[in-house]
Amino acid sequence: MPKLRTERNAYQRQSERDGRRVKMRYRALDENGDFTLGNGHAYIEGADAVRQAVLTRLRLLIYEWWENIEDGVPYWQKIIASRDVEAAERIIRERIQRTPHVLSILSFDPEWDNERRTLTIRAAIQSDYGAFSIDEEV
């Protein structure tokens, strides 16, 4: 588990004990995954921030992040290579559930397209800030 995440979770727990609600705030990304800057649109909060966190966690490949090469989804190593649908779904569900501020997965509908060799993840997720859905092709 990355050190930064552990510290953030400790801060969240302390804030909850103190009666303060920690608002999740992320730098907003555009449709290409680049930062948005200026005009008051640089940050997102609440359910939108949790949704973006879930999507970026699903897009991160294992060994891709220099700060923690163990973090990420092993698409090539364990999902595509093994073709074990149940194991793949378990890995993806766990990745979603371990995102900060995710309370539960309300629905989960992965769609495998063997012809195009793609996986589309459709899910409804309950967060500390409300429910949202994702529809992501990987």
N, C-alpha and C. Protein backbone atom coordinates (compact mmCIF):
# COMPACT_ATOMS: atom_id res chain seq x y z
N MET A 1 0.85 -1.18 0.00
CA MET A 1 0.00 0.00 0.00
C MET A 1 0.89 1.24 0.00
N PRO A 2 0.62 2.21 -0.86
CA PRO A 2 1.45 3.40 -0.94
C PRO A 2 1.42 4.19 0.37
N LYS A 3 2.55 4.76 0.73
CA LYS A 3 2.66 5.53 1.96
C LYS A 3 1.68 6.70 1.98
N LEU A 4 1.55 7.42 0.88
CA LEU A 4 0.67 8.57 0.81
C LEU A 4 -0.77 8.18 1.13
N ARG A 5 -1.20 7.06 0.60
CA ARG A 5 -2.58 6.62 0.84
C ARG A 5 -2.79 6.31 2.32
N THR A 6 -1.82 5.67 2.96
CA THR A 6 -1.92 5.35 4.38
C THR A 6 -2.06 6.62 5.19
N GLU A 7 -1.25 7.64 4.88
CA GLU A 7 -1.32 8.90 5.61
C GLU A 7 -2.67 9.57 5.40
N ARG A 8 -3.17 9.56 4.18
CA ARG A 8 -4.45 10.19 3.90
C ARG A 8 -5.56 9.48 4.68
N ASN A 9 -5.53 8.15 4.72
CA ASN A 9 -6.56 7.43 5.44
C ASN A 9 -6.49 7.72 6.94
N ALA A 10 -5.27 7.85 7.48
CA ALA A 10 -5.12 8.20 8.89
C ALA A 10 -5.71 9.59 9.15
N TYR A 11 -5.48 10.52 8.24
CA TYR A 11 -6.04 11.87 8.37
C TYR A 11 -7.57 11.82 8.32
N GLN A 12 -8.10 11.01 7.42
CA GLN A 12 -9.56 10.88 7.32
C GLN A 12 -10.14 10.33 8.62
N ARG A 13 -9.49 9.31 9.18
CA ARG A 13 -9.99 8.73 10.43
C ARG A 13 -9.96 9.75 11.56
N GLN A 14 -8.86 10.52 11.68
CA GLN A 14 -8.76 11.53 12.72
C GLN A 14 -9.83 12.60 12.53
N SER A 15 -10.07 13.01 11.30
CA SER A 15 -11.09 14.03 11.02
C SER A 15 -12.47 13.53 11.42
N GLU A 16 -12.74 12.25 11.16
CA GLU A 16 -14.03 11.69 11.53
C GLU A 16 -14.19 11.66 13.04
N ARG A 17 -13.11 11.35 13.76
CA ARG A 17 -13.17 11.35 15.23
C ARG A 17 -13.41 12.76 15.76
N ASP A 18 -12.85 13.76 15.07
CA ASP A 18 -13.02 15.15 15.48
C ASP A 18 -14.36 15.72 15.04
N GLY A 19 -15.16 14.95 14.30
CA GLY A 19 -16.47 15.41 13.85
C GLY A 19 -16.44 16.24 12.58
N ARG A 20 -15.30 16.32 11.92
CA ARG A 20 -15.21 17.06 10.66
C ARG A 20 -15.37 16.09 9.51
N ARG A 21 -16.00 16.53 8.46
CA ARG A 21 -16.13 15.70 7.27
C ARG A 21 -15.07 16.13 6.26
N VAL A 22 -14.25 15.19 5.86
CA VAL A 22 -13.19 15.48 4.90
C VAL A 22 -13.80 15.40 3.51
N LYS A 23 -13.70 16.48 2.77
CA LYS A 23 -14.24 16.53 1.40
C LYS A 23 -13.14 16.09 0.44
N MET A 24 -13.43 15.09 -0.37
CA MET A 24 -12.46 14.64 -1.36
C MET A 24 -12.37 15.69 -2.46
N ARG A 25 -11.15 16.09 -2.79
CA ARG A 25 -10.93 17.10 -3.82
C ARG A 25 -9.80 16.63 -4.72
N TYR A 26 -10.06 16.63 -6.02
CA TYR A 26 -9.09 16.17 -7.02
C TYR A 26 -8.91 17.24 -8.08
N ARG A 27 -7.73 17.26 -8.66
CA ARG A 27 -7.54 18.12 -9.84
C ARG A 27 -8.31 17.48 -10.98
N ALA A 28 -9.14 18.26 -11.64
CA ALA A 28 -10.00 17.75 -12.71
C ALA A 28 -9.18 17.36 -13.93
N LEU A 29 -9.61 16.28 -14.57
CA LEU A 29 -8.98 15.83 -15.81
C LEU A 29 -9.96 16.02 -16.96
N ASP A 30 -9.43 16.28 -18.15
CA ASP A 30 -10.31 16.39 -19.32
C ASP A 30 -10.51 15.00 -19.92
N GLU A 31 -11.20 14.92 -21.06
CA GLU A 31 -11.50 13.63 -21.67
C GLU A 31 -10.26 12.87 -22.13
N ASN A 32 -9.11 13.57 -22.27
CA ASN A 32 -7.86 12.91 -22.65
C ASN A 32 -7.01 12.53 -21.45
N GLY A 33 -7.48 12.83 -20.24
CA GLY A 33 -6.73 12.51 -19.04
C GLY A 33 -5.72 13.58 -18.65
N ASP A 34 -5.80 14.76 -19.27
CA ASP A 34 -4.89 15.86 -18.95
C ASP A 34 -5.54 16.77 -17.91
N PHE A 35 -4.69 17.45 -17.10
CA PHE A 35 -5.20 18.39 -16.11
C PHE A 35 -5.97 19.51 -16.79
N THR A 36 -7.04 19.95 -16.16
CA THR A 36 -7.73 21.17 -16.60
C THR A 36 -7.27 22.29 -15.69
N LEU A 37 -6.98 23.42 -16.28
CA LEU A 37 -6.45 24.54 -15.51
C LEU A 37 -7.26 25.80 -15.77
N GLY A 38 -7.41 26.63 -14.74
CA GLY A 38 -8.02 27.94 -14.89
C GLY A 38 -9.53 27.95 -14.94
N ASN A 39 -10.06 29.16 -14.97
CA ASN A 39 -11.50 29.42 -15.07
C ASN A 39 -12.31 28.74 -13.97
N GLY A 40 -11.70 28.47 -12.83
CA GLY A 40 -12.42 27.87 -11.72
C GLY A 40 -12.79 26.42 -11.92
N HIS A 41 -12.26 25.79 -12.96
CA HIS A 41 -12.60 24.39 -13.25
C HIS A 41 -11.44 23.44 -12.96
N ALA A 42 -10.47 23.89 -12.20
CA ALA A 42 -9.28 23.09 -11.98
C ALA A 42 -9.50 21.93 -11.01
N TYR A 43 -10.51 22.02 -10.16
CA TYR A 43 -10.72 20.98 -9.16
C TYR A 43 -12.17 20.49 -9.19
N ILE A 44 -12.33 19.23 -8.77
CA ILE A 44 -13.66 18.66 -8.60
C ILE A 44 -13.72 18.09 -7.19
N GLU A 45 -14.92 17.99 -6.65
CA GLU A 45 -15.10 17.51 -5.28
C GLU A 45 -16.23 16.50 -5.22
N GLY A 46 -16.32 15.85 -4.08
CA GLY A 46 -17.44 14.97 -3.80
C GLY A 46 -17.50 13.75 -4.70
N ALA A 47 -18.72 13.38 -5.10
CA ALA A 47 -18.93 12.18 -5.92
C ALA A 47 -18.18 12.25 -7.24
N ASP A 48 -18.06 13.45 -7.83
CA ASP A 48 -17.30 13.58 -9.09
C ASP A 48 -15.83 13.24 -8.88
N ALA A 49 -15.28 13.64 -7.74
CA ALA A 49 -13.88 13.33 -7.44
C ALA A 49 -13.69 11.83 -7.21
N VAL A 50 -14.64 11.20 -6.52
CA VAL A 50 -14.54 9.76 -6.29
C VAL A 50 -14.66 9.01 -7.62
N ARG A 51 -15.57 9.46 -8.48
CA ARG A 51 -15.73 8.83 -9.80
C ARG A 51 -14.42 8.91 -10.59
N GLN A 52 -13.80 10.09 -10.59
CA GLN A 52 -12.54 10.25 -11.31
C GLN A 52 -11.45 9.38 -10.68
N ALA A 53 -11.44 9.26 -9.36
CA ALA A 53 -10.45 8.41 -8.69
C ALA A 53 -10.63 6.95 -9.10
N VAL A 54 -11.87 6.49 -9.15
CA VAL A 54 -12.14 5.10 -9.58
C VAL A 54 -11.63 4.89 -11.00
N LEU A 55 -11.96 5.81 -11.91
CA LEU A 55 -11.55 5.66 -13.31
C LEU A 55 -10.03 5.69 -13.46
N THR A 56 -9.35 6.59 -12.76
CA THR A 56 -7.89 6.64 -12.89
C THR A 56 -7.25 5.40 -12.28
N ARG A 57 -7.85 4.85 -11.23
CA ARG A 57 -7.32 3.61 -10.65
C ARG A 57 -7.52 2.43 -11.61
N LEU A 58 -8.63 2.42 -12.34
CA LEU A 58 -8.85 1.35 -13.31
C LEU A 58 -7.95 1.49 -14.54
N ARG A 59 -7.53 2.69 -14.85
CA ARG A 59 -6.67 2.93 -16.01
C ARG A 59 -5.18 2.72 -15.72
N LEU A 60 -4.81 2.70 -14.44
CA LEU A 60 -3.40 2.55 -14.08
C LEU A 60 -2.96 1.10 -14.24
N LEU A 61 -1.98 0.88 -15.09
CA LEU A 61 -1.43 -0.46 -15.29
C LEU A 61 -0.40 -0.76 -14.21
N ILE A 62 -0.35 -2.01 -13.78
CA ILE A 62 0.66 -2.40 -12.82
C ILE A 62 2.05 -2.15 -13.43
N TYR A 63 3.00 -1.75 -12.63
CA TYR A 63 4.38 -1.39 -13.00
C TYR A 63 4.48 -0.06 -13.74
N GLU A 64 3.38 0.68 -13.87
CA GLU A 64 3.39 1.92 -14.64
C GLU A 64 3.80 3.13 -13.79
N TRP A 65 3.46 3.14 -12.52
CA TRP A 65 3.72 4.31 -11.67
C TRP A 65 5.04 4.14 -10.96
N TRP A 66 5.99 5.02 -11.24
CA TRP A 66 7.35 4.90 -10.71
C TRP A 66 7.38 4.94 -9.18
N GLU A 67 6.43 5.59 -8.55
CA GLU A 67 6.46 5.73 -7.09
C GLU A 67 6.00 4.45 -6.38
N ASN A 68 5.21 3.64 -7.06
CA ASN A 68 4.77 2.37 -6.49
C ASN A 68 4.43 1.43 -7.64
N ILE A 69 5.41 0.65 -8.08
CA ILE A 69 5.20 -0.21 -9.25
C ILE A 69 4.24 -1.36 -8.96
N GLU A 70 3.94 -1.63 -7.69
CA GLU A 70 2.99 -2.68 -7.35
C GLU A 70 1.54 -2.21 -7.45
N ASP A 71 1.33 -0.90 -7.54
CA ASP A 71 -0.02 -0.35 -7.65
C ASP A 71 -0.45 -0.41 -9.12
N GLY A 72 -1.68 -0.74 -9.37
CA GLY A 72 -2.18 -0.80 -10.73
C GLY A 72 -2.94 -2.09 -10.99
N VAL A 73 -3.57 -2.15 -12.14
CA VAL A 73 -4.36 -3.32 -12.53
C VAL A 73 -3.49 -4.19 -13.44
N PRO A 74 -3.37 -5.47 -13.13
CA PRO A 74 -2.55 -6.38 -13.94
C PRO A 74 -3.31 -6.90 -15.17
N TYR A 75 -3.72 -5.96 -16.04
CA TYR A 75 -4.50 -6.37 -17.21
C TYR A 75 -3.76 -7.41 -18.04
N TRP A 76 -2.50 -7.15 -18.39
CA TRP A 76 -1.75 -8.08 -19.23
C TRP A 76 -1.34 -9.33 -18.47
N GLN A 77 -0.91 -9.17 -17.24
CA GLN A 77 -0.35 -10.28 -16.47
C GLN A 77 -1.41 -11.28 -16.00
N LYS A 78 -2.55 -10.80 -15.52
CA LYS A 78 -3.51 -11.71 -14.90
C LYS A 78 -4.89 -11.73 -15.55
N ILE A 79 -5.21 -10.73 -16.34
CA ILE A 79 -6.56 -10.67 -16.90
C ILE A 79 -6.58 -11.15 -18.34
N ILE A 80 -5.82 -10.51 -19.20
CA ILE A 80 -5.81 -10.89 -20.61
C ILE A 80 -5.08 -12.21 -20.81
N ALA A 81 -3.95 -12.38 -20.14
CA ALA A 81 -3.15 -13.60 -20.31
C ALA A 81 -3.88 -14.85 -19.83
N SER A 82 -4.57 -14.76 -18.72
CA SER A 82 -5.20 -15.96 -18.16
C SER A 82 -6.59 -16.22 -18.71
N ARG A 83 -7.28 -15.18 -19.16
CA ARG A 83 -8.64 -15.30 -19.66
C ARG A 83 -9.60 -15.92 -18.64
N ASP A 84 -9.26 -15.75 -17.37
CA ASP A 84 -10.11 -16.22 -16.28
C ASP A 84 -11.07 -15.08 -15.93
N VAL A 85 -12.29 -15.16 -16.44
CA VAL A 85 -13.27 -14.08 -16.31
C VAL A 85 -13.58 -13.81 -14.84
N GLU A 86 -13.78 -14.84 -14.05
CA GLU A 86 -14.12 -14.65 -12.64
C GLU A 86 -12.98 -13.96 -11.89
N ALA A 87 -11.75 -14.36 -12.14
CA ALA A 87 -10.60 -13.73 -11.48
C ALA A 87 -10.48 -12.27 -11.90
N ALA A 88 -10.69 -12.00 -13.17
CA ALA A 88 -10.61 -10.62 -13.68
C ALA A 88 -11.67 -9.75 -13.02
N GLU A 89 -12.88 -10.26 -12.93
CA GLU A 89 -13.95 -9.48 -12.30
C GLU A 89 -13.66 -9.24 -10.83
N ARG A 90 -13.08 -10.21 -10.15
CA ARG A 90 -12.72 -10.07 -8.75
C ARG A 90 -11.64 -8.99 -8.57
N ILE A 91 -10.63 -8.99 -9.44
CA ILE A 91 -9.55 -7.99 -9.38
C ILE A 91 -10.12 -6.59 -9.59
N ILE A 92 -10.99 -6.44 -10.56
CA ILE A 92 -11.54 -5.12 -10.89
C ILE A 92 -12.48 -4.63 -9.78
N ARG A 93 -13.31 -5.52 -9.25
CA ARG A 93 -14.20 -5.15 -8.14
C ARG A 93 -13.38 -4.68 -6.93
N GLU A 94 -12.33 -5.43 -6.62
CA GLU A 94 -11.48 -5.08 -5.49
C GLU A 94 -10.82 -3.72 -5.71
N ARG A 95 -10.38 -3.47 -6.93
CA ARG A 95 -9.75 -2.19 -7.26
C ARG A 95 -10.73 -1.03 -7.03
N ILE A 96 -11.96 -1.22 -7.44
CA ILE A 96 -12.99 -0.19 -7.23
C ILE A 96 -13.26 -0.01 -5.74
N GLN A 97 -13.44 -1.11 -5.02
CA GLN A 97 -13.81 -1.04 -3.61
C GLN A 97 -12.72 -0.43 -2.74
N ARG A 98 -11.47 -0.54 -3.15
CA ARG A 98 -10.37 0.01 -2.37
C ARG A 98 -10.10 1.49 -2.67
N THR A 99 -10.91 2.09 -3.51
CA THR A 99 -10.77 3.51 -3.79
C THR A 99 -11.28 4.29 -2.58
N PRO A 100 -10.53 5.29 -2.11
CA PRO A 100 -11.00 6.07 -0.97
C PRO A 100 -12.40 6.65 -1.21
N HIS A 101 -13.21 6.60 -0.19
CA HIS A 101 -14.58 7.13 -0.16
C HIS A 101 -15.60 6.26 -0.90
N VAL A 102 -15.21 5.12 -1.45
CA VAL A 102 -16.18 4.19 -2.03
C VAL A 102 -16.74 3.35 -0.89
N LEU A 103 -18.06 3.35 -0.78
CA LEU A 103 -18.73 2.56 0.26
C LEU A 103 -19.11 1.17 -0.24
N SER A 104 -19.67 1.11 -1.46
CA SER A 104 -20.09 -0.18 -2.00
C SER A 104 -20.29 -0.10 -3.50
N ILE A 105 -20.33 -1.26 -4.12
CA ILE A 105 -20.66 -1.37 -5.53
C ILE A 105 -22.12 -1.81 -5.59
N LEU A 106 -22.96 -0.95 -6.15
CA LEU A 106 -24.40 -1.23 -6.21
C LEU A 106 -24.74 -2.21 -7.32
N SER A 107 -24.07 -2.07 -8.45
CA SER A 107 -24.23 -3.02 -9.56
C SER A 107 -22.90 -3.09 -10.30
N PHE A 108 -22.65 -4.24 -10.90
CA PHE A 108 -21.39 -4.46 -11.60
C PHE A 108 -21.68 -5.33 -12.81
N ASP A 109 -21.42 -4.80 -14.01
CA ASP A 109 -21.75 -5.51 -15.23
C ASP A 109 -20.60 -5.41 -16.23
N PRO A 110 -19.60 -6.29 -16.11
CA PRO A 110 -18.52 -6.28 -17.09
C PRO A 110 -18.97 -6.96 -18.37
N GLU A 111 -18.59 -6.40 -19.49
CA GLU A 111 -18.96 -6.97 -20.79
C GLU A 111 -17.68 -7.29 -21.57
N TRP A 112 -17.46 -8.56 -21.81
CA TRP A 112 -16.29 -9.01 -22.55
C TRP A 112 -16.63 -9.11 -24.03
N ASP A 113 -15.80 -8.53 -24.87
CA ASP A 113 -15.97 -8.62 -26.32
C ASP A 113 -14.74 -9.33 -26.86
N ASN A 114 -14.87 -10.64 -27.06
CA ASN A 114 -13.73 -11.44 -27.51
C ASN A 114 -13.27 -11.07 -28.91
N GLU A 115 -14.20 -10.66 -29.75
CA GLU A 115 -13.85 -10.30 -31.13
C GLU A 115 -12.97 -9.05 -31.16
N ARG A 116 -13.35 -8.04 -30.39
CA ARG A 116 -12.58 -6.79 -30.35
C ARG A 116 -11.49 -6.83 -29.28
N ARG A 117 -11.52 -7.88 -28.44
CA ARG A 117 -10.57 -8.04 -27.34
C ARG A 117 -10.61 -6.86 -26.38
N THR A 118 -11.83 -6.52 -25.96
CA THR A 118 -12.01 -5.42 -25.02
C THR A 118 -12.89 -5.87 -23.85
N LEU A 119 -12.78 -5.12 -22.78
CA LEU A 119 -13.61 -5.31 -21.61
C LEU A 119 -14.24 -3.96 -21.30
N THR A 120 -15.56 -3.92 -21.20
CA THR A 120 -16.26 -2.70 -20.81
C THR A 120 -16.79 -2.92 -19.40
N ILE A 121 -16.43 -2.01 -18.52
CA ILE A 121 -16.85 -2.10 -17.13
C ILE A 121 -17.97 -1.09 -16.90
N ARG A 122 -19.13 -1.61 -16.55
CA ARG A 122 -20.26 -0.75 -16.19
C ARG A 122 -20.58 -1.04 -14.73
N ALA A 123 -20.63 0.01 -13.94
CA ALA A 123 -20.90 -0.18 -12.52
C ALA A 123 -21.61 1.04 -11.95
N ALA A 124 -22.44 0.78 -10.96
CA ALA A 124 -23.03 1.84 -10.14
C ALA A 124 -22.37 1.73 -8.78
N ILE A 125 -21.91 2.85 -8.27
CA ILE A 125 -21.09 2.86 -7.07
C ILE A 125 -21.66 3.86 -6.07
N GLN A 126 -21.69 3.45 -4.80
CA GLN A 126 -22.11 4.35 -3.72
C GLN A 126 -20.86 4.87 -3.02
N SER A 127 -20.77 6.19 -2.91
CA SER A 127 -19.63 6.81 -2.23
C SER A 127 -20.12 7.57 -1.00
N ASP A 128 -19.20 8.10 -0.24
CA ASP A 128 -19.55 8.95 0.90
C ASP A 128 -20.37 10.16 0.48
N TYR A 129 -20.27 10.54 -0.79
CA TYR A 129 -20.89 11.77 -1.29
C TYR A 129 -22.09 11.53 -2.20
N GLY A 130 -22.47 10.29 -2.38
CA GLY A 130 -23.60 9.96 -3.24
C GLY A 130 -23.24 8.88 -4.25
N ALA A 131 -24.22 8.47 -5.01
CA ALA A 131 -24.03 7.40 -5.99
C ALA A 131 -23.64 7.99 -7.34
N PHE A 132 -22.92 7.19 -8.13
CA PHE A 132 -22.54 7.57 -9.49
C PHE A 132 -22.32 6.29 -10.28
N SER A 133 -22.19 6.43 -11.59
CA SER A 133 -21.96 5.25 -12.43
C SER A 133 -20.73 5.47 -13.29
N ILE A 134 -20.16 4.36 -13.73
CA ILE A 134 -19.04 4.40 -14.65
C ILE A 134 -19.34 3.49 -15.83
N ASP A 135 -18.77 3.81 -16.96
CA ASP A 135 -18.89 3.02 -18.18
C ASP A 135 -17.54 3.16 -18.88
N GLU A 136 -16.63 2.23 -18.62
CA GLU A 136 -15.24 2.37 -19.04
C GLU A 136 -14.79 1.16 -19.86
N GLU A 137 -14.25 1.41 -21.04
CA GLU A 137 -13.70 0.34 -21.86
C GLU A 137 -12.20 0.26 -21.63
N VAL A 138 -11.74 -0.96 -21.35
CA VAL A 138 -10.29 -1.17 -21.14
C VAL A 138 -9.77 -2.21 -22.09
